[in-house]
Amino acid sequence: MCGMQIRRNGRPLTWREGLAPFARPASTAIACLILALTLLPVLTTAGRAQALGVLAETSSSPTLAPLVKKVIPGVVSITVRASAPVQPMFVDPETGFPDAPYRSTDREISATGVVVDGPKGLIVTNTHVIEEADDIAVILPDGRRFQGSRVDADPDTDIAVIKIAVADLVALPMGDSDMLEVGDYVIAVGNPFGMGITVSHGIVSALHRSGLHLGGYQDFIQTDASLNPGSSGGPLLNLRGELVGITTAITAPTGSNVGIGFAIPVNRVREAVSRAAKYAEMRSVRHARN
């Protein structure tokens, strides 16, 4: 019954001896279904715990807490003040951005950034976050606040790199976005609505997503991890704590998360970071000579 063998006194029971209540095939099927439904929460929890590999040492319940503690130091909150309205990246499923009806009139927005070079103080975010910025404030997880300066910004990829004058930052390691598969678990960290660093989780819903009416780069990771205004520029991470994408846009018929978000693959981000690091070094050399 249900792939199990029931024994009495060391020998298997026959249908007549011990399984009379489930003697008929239909009843057997119902019993198996009830057993499966009863065990499903247990099996699901155990399966997830094994897959995540992040069980807390002091608890038998699965948790992402150790992983979250590891990555949070590499994520920053950003507040941008601009002389012109700053447009969050919404993707209307019918009309697309920028013709969608969700156009901001705010001259101050919240966003997120990812530390990619600790000693040099380099942080990745989105170009649409800082392109009209008059002032960039960066808030570290420990509460320290710094003035950010623009190093590089590419409107085609929506990848920007900013710099702050501090050398004790913790950079997030970069993974390989080419190794992602649909169904992989991911974690998103952001600053939704300026509330502060917030963690959500989900899966990779699709890869190589394009046709979003955003212009420029069109090869996104799609995820159902919760993304909202303020999440732009935040990290999408695998369960090893490696950066696999930079969140950049959402489909938002209601103006907030509906489980369809998009991230730029980290392999594309890596190119921008390398270029920005060279720019930063050249600037440092020029300043030293002056």
Protein backbone atom coordinates (compact mmCIF):
# COMPACT_ATOMS: atom_id res chain seq x y z
CA MET A 1 0.00 0.00 0.00
CA CYS A 2 1.43 3.38 -1.10
CA GLY A 3 4.79 1.70 -1.70
CA MET A 4 5.07 0.54 1.96
CA GLN A 5 5.04 -2.99 3.38
CA ILE A 6 3.26 -3.58 6.69
CA ARG A 7 4.41 -6.52 8.83
CA ARG A 8 3.13 -8.44 11.85
CA ASN A 9 5.41 -10.77 13.79
CA GLY A 10 8.08 -10.42 11.13
CA ARG A 11 5.95 -11.37 8.11
CA PRO A 12 4.00 -9.18 5.68
CA LEU A 13 0.29 -8.81 6.35
CA THR A 14 -2.09 -9.97 3.67
CA TRP A 15 -5.05 -7.88 2.56
CA ARG A 16 -7.45 -10.14 4.47
CA GLU A 17 -5.43 -10.19 7.71
CA GLY A 18 -4.75 -6.58 8.39
CA LEU A 19 -5.67 -4.32 5.50
CA ALA A 20 -9.39 -4.91 5.26
CA PRO A 21 -10.31 -1.21 5.52
CA PHE A 22 -8.27 -0.55 2.35
CA ALA A 23 -9.06 -3.77 0.53
CA ARG A 24 -10.75 -2.12 -2.44
CA PRO A 25 -8.52 -0.26 -4.98
CA ALA A 26 -10.52 2.98 -4.70
CA SER A 27 -10.23 2.98 -0.92
CA THR A 28 -6.51 2.29 -1.20
CA ALA A 29 -6.05 5.29 -3.47
CA ILE A 30 -7.93 7.55 -1.06
CA ALA A 31 -5.86 6.30 1.87
CA CYS A 32 -2.63 6.96 -0.03
CA LEU A 33 -3.80 10.46 -0.86
CA ILE A 34 -4.65 11.21 2.76
CA LEU A 35 -1.25 9.90 3.88
CA ALA A 36 0.54 11.97 1.26
CA LEU A 37 -1.30 15.13 2.21
CA THR A 38 -0.54 14.49 5.88
CA LEU A 39 3.18 14.09 5.22
CA LEU A 40 3.48 16.86 2.63
CA PRO A 41 4.29 19.72 5.03
CA VAL A 42 6.93 17.60 6.74
CA LEU A 43 8.48 16.41 3.51
CA THR A 44 8.40 19.89 2.03
CA THR A 45 10.09 21.42 5.06
CA ALA A 46 12.73 18.72 5.18
CA GLY A 47 13.33 18.94 1.46
CA ARG A 48 13.73 22.69 1.57
CA ALA A 49 16.05 22.48 4.56
CA GLN A 50 18.27 20.02 2.72
CA ALA A 51 18.24 22.10 -0.45
CA LEU A 52 19.00 25.37 1.28
CA GLY A 53 21.69 23.92 3.50
CA VAL A 54 21.29 26.77 5.95
CA LEU A 55 19.84 25.14 9.06
CA ALA A 56 20.64 27.07 12.19
CA GLU A 57 22.91 25.09 14.49
CA THR A 58 20.62 25.65 17.45
CA SER A 59 17.36 24.81 15.70
CA SER A 60 15.93 22.00 13.63
CA SER A 61 13.82 24.48 11.65
CA PRO A 62 15.17 25.70 8.29
CA THR A 63 16.20 29.35 8.23
CA LEU A 64 17.95 31.79 5.94
CA ALA A 65 19.17 33.85 8.90
CA PRO A 66 22.87 32.79 8.76
CA LEU A 67 23.00 33.63 5.06
CA VAL A 68 21.22 36.94 5.54
CA LYS A 69 23.64 37.96 8.31
CA LYS A 70 26.49 37.18 5.94
CA VAL A 71 25.26 39.34 3.03
CA ILE A 72 23.61 42.33 4.76
CA PRO A 73 26.93 44.17 5.39
CA GLY A 74 27.43 44.35 1.61
CA VAL A 75 24.13 46.13 0.91
CA VAL A 76 23.53 49.88 1.31
CA SER A 77 20.53 52.19 1.20
CA ILE A 78 20.65 55.15 -1.17
CA THR A 79 18.72 58.43 -1.09
CA VAL A 80 18.88 60.56 -4.21
CA ARG A 81 17.83 64.19 -4.55
CA ALA A 82 17.40 65.45 -8.08
CA SER A 83 16.60 68.70 -9.87
CA ALA A 84 14.14 66.81 -12.10
CA PRO A 85 11.61 64.09 -11.29
CA VAL A 86 13.23 60.67 -10.94
CA GLN A 87 11.44 57.82 -12.68
CA PRO A 88 11.27 54.41 -10.99
CA MET A 89 11.49 51.51 -13.42
CA PHE A 90 7.96 50.18 -13.80
CA VAL A 91 7.08 47.98 -16.73
CA ASP A 92 3.45 48.18 -17.74
CA PRO A 93 2.52 44.80 -19.29
CA GLU A 94 0.46 46.55 -21.98
CA THR A 95 2.14 49.84 -22.82
CA GLY A 96 5.63 49.45 -21.38
CA PHE A 97 7.88 52.04 -19.81
CA PRO A 98 8.26 55.01 -20.17
CA ASP A 99 4.71 55.46 -21.46
CA ALA A 100 3.23 53.68 -18.43
CA PRO A 101 0.89 55.76 -16.23
CA TYR A 102 3.11 55.37 -13.13
CA ARG A 103 5.31 58.42 -13.61
CA SER A 104 6.82 59.87 -10.47
CA THR A 105 6.90 63.58 -9.74
CA ASP A 106 9.17 63.13 -6.74
CA ARG A 107 12.55 64.80 -6.68
CA GLU A 108 13.79 62.48 -3.95
CA ILE A 109 13.74 58.71 -4.18
CA SER A 110 15.07 55.75 -2.25
CA ALA A 111 17.15 53.01 -3.83
CA THR A 112 19.65 50.30 -3.00
CA GLY A 113 23.30 49.61 -3.75
CA VAL A 114 25.72 46.70 -3.61
CA VAL A 115 29.31 46.97 -2.39
CA VAL A 116 31.57 45.44 -5.06
CA ASP A 117 34.98 46.76 -3.99
CA GLY A 118 35.44 47.35 -0.26
CA PRO A 119 38.89 48.97 -0.19
CA LYS A 120 38.00 51.37 -3.02
CA GLY A 121 34.51 52.14 -1.71
CA LEU A 122 32.80 51.17 -4.98
CA ILE A 123 29.07 50.49 -4.99
CA VAL A 124 26.85 49.31 -7.85
CA THR A 125 23.33 50.64 -8.35
CA ASN A 126 21.10 51.53 -11.32
CA THR A 127 21.75 54.36 -13.76
CA HIS A 128 18.09 55.40 -13.65
CA VAL A 129 18.56 56.01 -9.92
CA ILE A 130 21.42 58.51 -10.18
CA GLU A 131 21.29 59.94 -13.72
CA GLU A 132 19.50 63.15 -12.61
CA ALA A 133 21.01 63.23 -9.13
CA ASP A 134 22.22 66.45 -7.54
CA ASP A 135 22.94 64.68 -4.27
CA ILE A 136 23.60 61.01 -3.49
CA ALA A 137 23.47 59.89 0.14
CA VAL A 138 24.64 56.37 1.02
CA ILE A 139 23.59 54.81 4.32
CA LEU A 140 25.50 51.74 5.52
CA PRO A 141 23.81 48.94 7.48
CA ASP A 142 25.50 50.19 10.65
CA GLY A 143 23.84 53.59 10.22
CA ARG A 144 26.83 55.55 8.97
CA ARG A 145 26.01 58.05 6.24
CA PHE A 146 28.32 59.14 3.40
CA GLN A 147 28.20 61.37 0.38
CA GLY A 148 28.32 59.37 -2.83
CA SER A 149 30.01 60.46 -6.04
CA ARG A 150 29.31 59.15 -9.51
CA VAL A 151 32.10 57.10 -11.10
CA ASP A 152 30.42 55.55 -14.12
CA ALA A 153 26.88 55.16 -15.48
CA ASP A 154 25.71 53.25 -18.53
CA PRO A 155 22.13 54.03 -19.63
CA ASP A 156 22.05 51.06 -22.03
CA THR A 157 22.63 48.47 -19.30
CA ASP A 158 21.22 50.60 -16.45
CA ILE A 159 24.37 49.83 -14.45
CA ALA A 160 25.99 52.64 -12.47
CA VAL A 161 28.91 52.70 -10.07
CA ILE A 162 29.28 55.24 -7.28
CA LYS A 163 32.02 55.76 -4.73
CA ILE A 164 32.13 56.74 -1.08
CA ALA A 165 35.16 57.79 0.95
CA VAL A 166 35.47 54.80 3.26
CA ALA A 167 37.79 51.81 3.05
CA ASP A 168 36.23 49.29 5.44
CA LEU A 169 33.27 48.18 3.32
CA VAL A 170 32.36 44.51 2.92
CA ALA A 171 31.99 43.52 -0.73
CA LEU A 172 29.63 40.80 -1.86
CA PRO A 173 31.27 38.02 -3.88
CA MET A 174 30.15 37.71 -7.49
CA GLY A 175 28.72 34.44 -8.73
CA ASP A 176 28.17 33.23 -12.29
CA SER A 177 24.78 34.19 -13.68
CA ASP A 178 25.31 31.81 -16.62
CA MET A 179 24.94 28.93 -14.15
CA LEU A 180 21.44 29.96 -13.07
CA GLU A 181 18.51 27.73 -13.92
CA VAL A 182 14.80 28.38 -13.78
CA GLY A 183 13.61 27.20 -10.37
CA ASP A 184 16.79 28.11 -8.47
CA TYR A 185 16.16 29.74 -5.09
CA VAL A 186 17.26 33.38 -4.83
CA ILE A 187 17.26 36.15 -2.22
CA ALA A 188 16.60 39.82 -2.94
CA VAL A 189 17.73 42.59 -0.59
CA GLY A 190 16.45 46.13 -1.02
CA ASN A 191 15.25 49.37 0.50
CA PRO A 192 11.56 49.31 -0.49
CA PHE A 193 9.77 52.63 -0.14
CA GLY A 194 12.77 53.89 1.88
CA MET A 195 11.88 51.64 4.81
CA GLY A 196 15.43 50.34 5.20
CA ILE A 197 17.20 47.12 4.28
CA THR A 198 14.61 44.40 3.68
CA VAL A 199 15.02 40.76 2.62
CA SER A 200 12.73 38.67 0.45
CA HIS A 201 13.14 35.34 -1.30
CA GLY A 202 11.82 33.51 -4.31
CA ILE A 203 12.98 31.61 -7.33
CA VAL A 204 14.34 32.32 -10.77
CA SER A 205 11.10 32.49 -12.75
CA ALA A 206 12.65 32.90 -16.20
CA LEU A 207 15.96 33.67 -17.89
CA HIS A 208 16.89 35.85 -20.87
CA ARG A 209 13.68 37.85 -20.55
CA SER A 210 13.38 40.63 -23.14
CA GLY A 211 10.78 42.76 -24.92
CA LEU A 212 10.07 44.92 -21.86
CA HIS A 213 9.98 48.27 -23.70
CA LEU A 214 12.85 49.51 -21.58
CA GLY A 215 15.26 50.10 -24.44
CA GLY A 216 18.93 49.20 -24.41
CA TYR A 217 19.96 46.03 -22.65
CA GLN A 218 17.35 43.24 -22.86
CA ASP A 219 18.52 40.02 -21.19
CA PHE A 220 16.97 39.96 -17.74
CA ILE A 221 16.62 37.42 -14.96
CA GLN A 222 12.97 37.26 -13.94
CA THR A 223 12.14 36.48 -10.32
CA ASP A 224 9.12 36.33 -8.04
CA ALA A 225 11.12 37.61 -5.06
CA SER A 226 9.38 40.72 -3.75
CA LEU A 227 10.66 43.90 -5.41
CA ASN A 228 9.15 47.35 -4.94
CA PRO A 229 10.08 50.99 -5.57
CA GLY A 230 13.31 51.47 -3.62
CA SER A 231 14.58 47.98 -4.49
CA SER A 232 16.33 49.28 -7.62
CA GLY A 233 20.05 48.59 -7.54
CA GLY A 234 19.79 45.86 -4.91
CA PRO A 235 21.36 42.42 -5.06
CA LEU A 236 19.81 39.20 -6.27
CA LEU A 237 21.75 36.44 -4.53
CA ASN A 238 22.03 32.68 -4.76
CA LEU A 239 22.00 30.52 -1.66
CA ARG A 240 25.79 30.66 -1.39
CA GLY A 241 25.52 34.39 -0.80
CA GLU A 242 26.93 35.22 -4.23
CA LEU A 243 25.70 38.13 -6.29
CA VAL A 244 23.94 36.84 -9.41
CA GLY A 245 22.03 39.96 -10.47
CA ILE A 246 21.19 43.61 -9.83
CA THR A 247 17.47 44.27 -9.51
CA THR A 248 16.30 46.95 -11.89
CA ALA A 249 12.57 46.87 -12.75
CA ILE A 250 9.19 45.39 -11.95
CA THR A 251 5.94 44.80 -13.76
CA ALA A 252 3.55 46.83 -11.64
CA PRO A 253 -0.08 47.18 -12.70
CA THR A 254 -0.81 48.39 -9.17
CA GLY A 255 2.40 50.38 -8.66
CA SER A 256 3.95 47.80 -6.35
CA ASN A 257 5.09 44.18 -6.32
CA VAL A 258 3.00 41.55 -8.10
CA GLY A 259 5.70 38.87 -8.22
CA ILE A 260 7.26 39.82 -11.56
CA GLY A 261 10.63 41.48 -11.13
CA PHE A 262 13.73 41.76 -13.27
CA ALA A 263 17.46 41.77 -12.56
CA ILE A 264 20.52 42.40 -14.69
CA PRO A 265 22.78 39.30 -14.74
CA VAL A 266 25.95 39.76 -12.72
CA ASN A 267 28.15 38.68 -15.62
CA ARG A 268 27.09 41.88 -17.34
CA VAL A 269 27.58 43.86 -14.15
CA ARG A 270 31.13 42.57 -13.79
CA GLU A 271 32.18 44.39 -16.97
CA ALA A 272 30.86 47.71 -15.67
CA VAL A 273 32.59 47.25 -12.32
CA SER A 274 35.91 46.52 -13.98
CA ARG A 275 35.59 49.66 -16.11
CA ALA A 276 34.60 51.78 -13.12
CA ALA A 277 37.51 50.50 -11.05
CA LYS A 278 39.90 51.69 -13.77
CA TYR A 279 38.20 55.11 -13.85
CA ALA A 280 38.47 55.40 -10.07
CA GLU A 281 42.14 54.49 -10.15
CA MET A 282 42.87 57.04 -12.89
CA ARG A 283 41.11 59.74 -10.89
CA SER A 284 43.11 58.87 -7.80
CA VAL A 285 46.35 59.16 -9.77
CA ARG A 286 45.34 62.57 -11.18
CA HIS A 287 44.40 63.86 -7.73
CA ALA A 288 47.69 62.62 -6.31
CA ARG A 289 49.63 64.49 -9.01
CA ASN A 290 47.71 67.66 -8.33
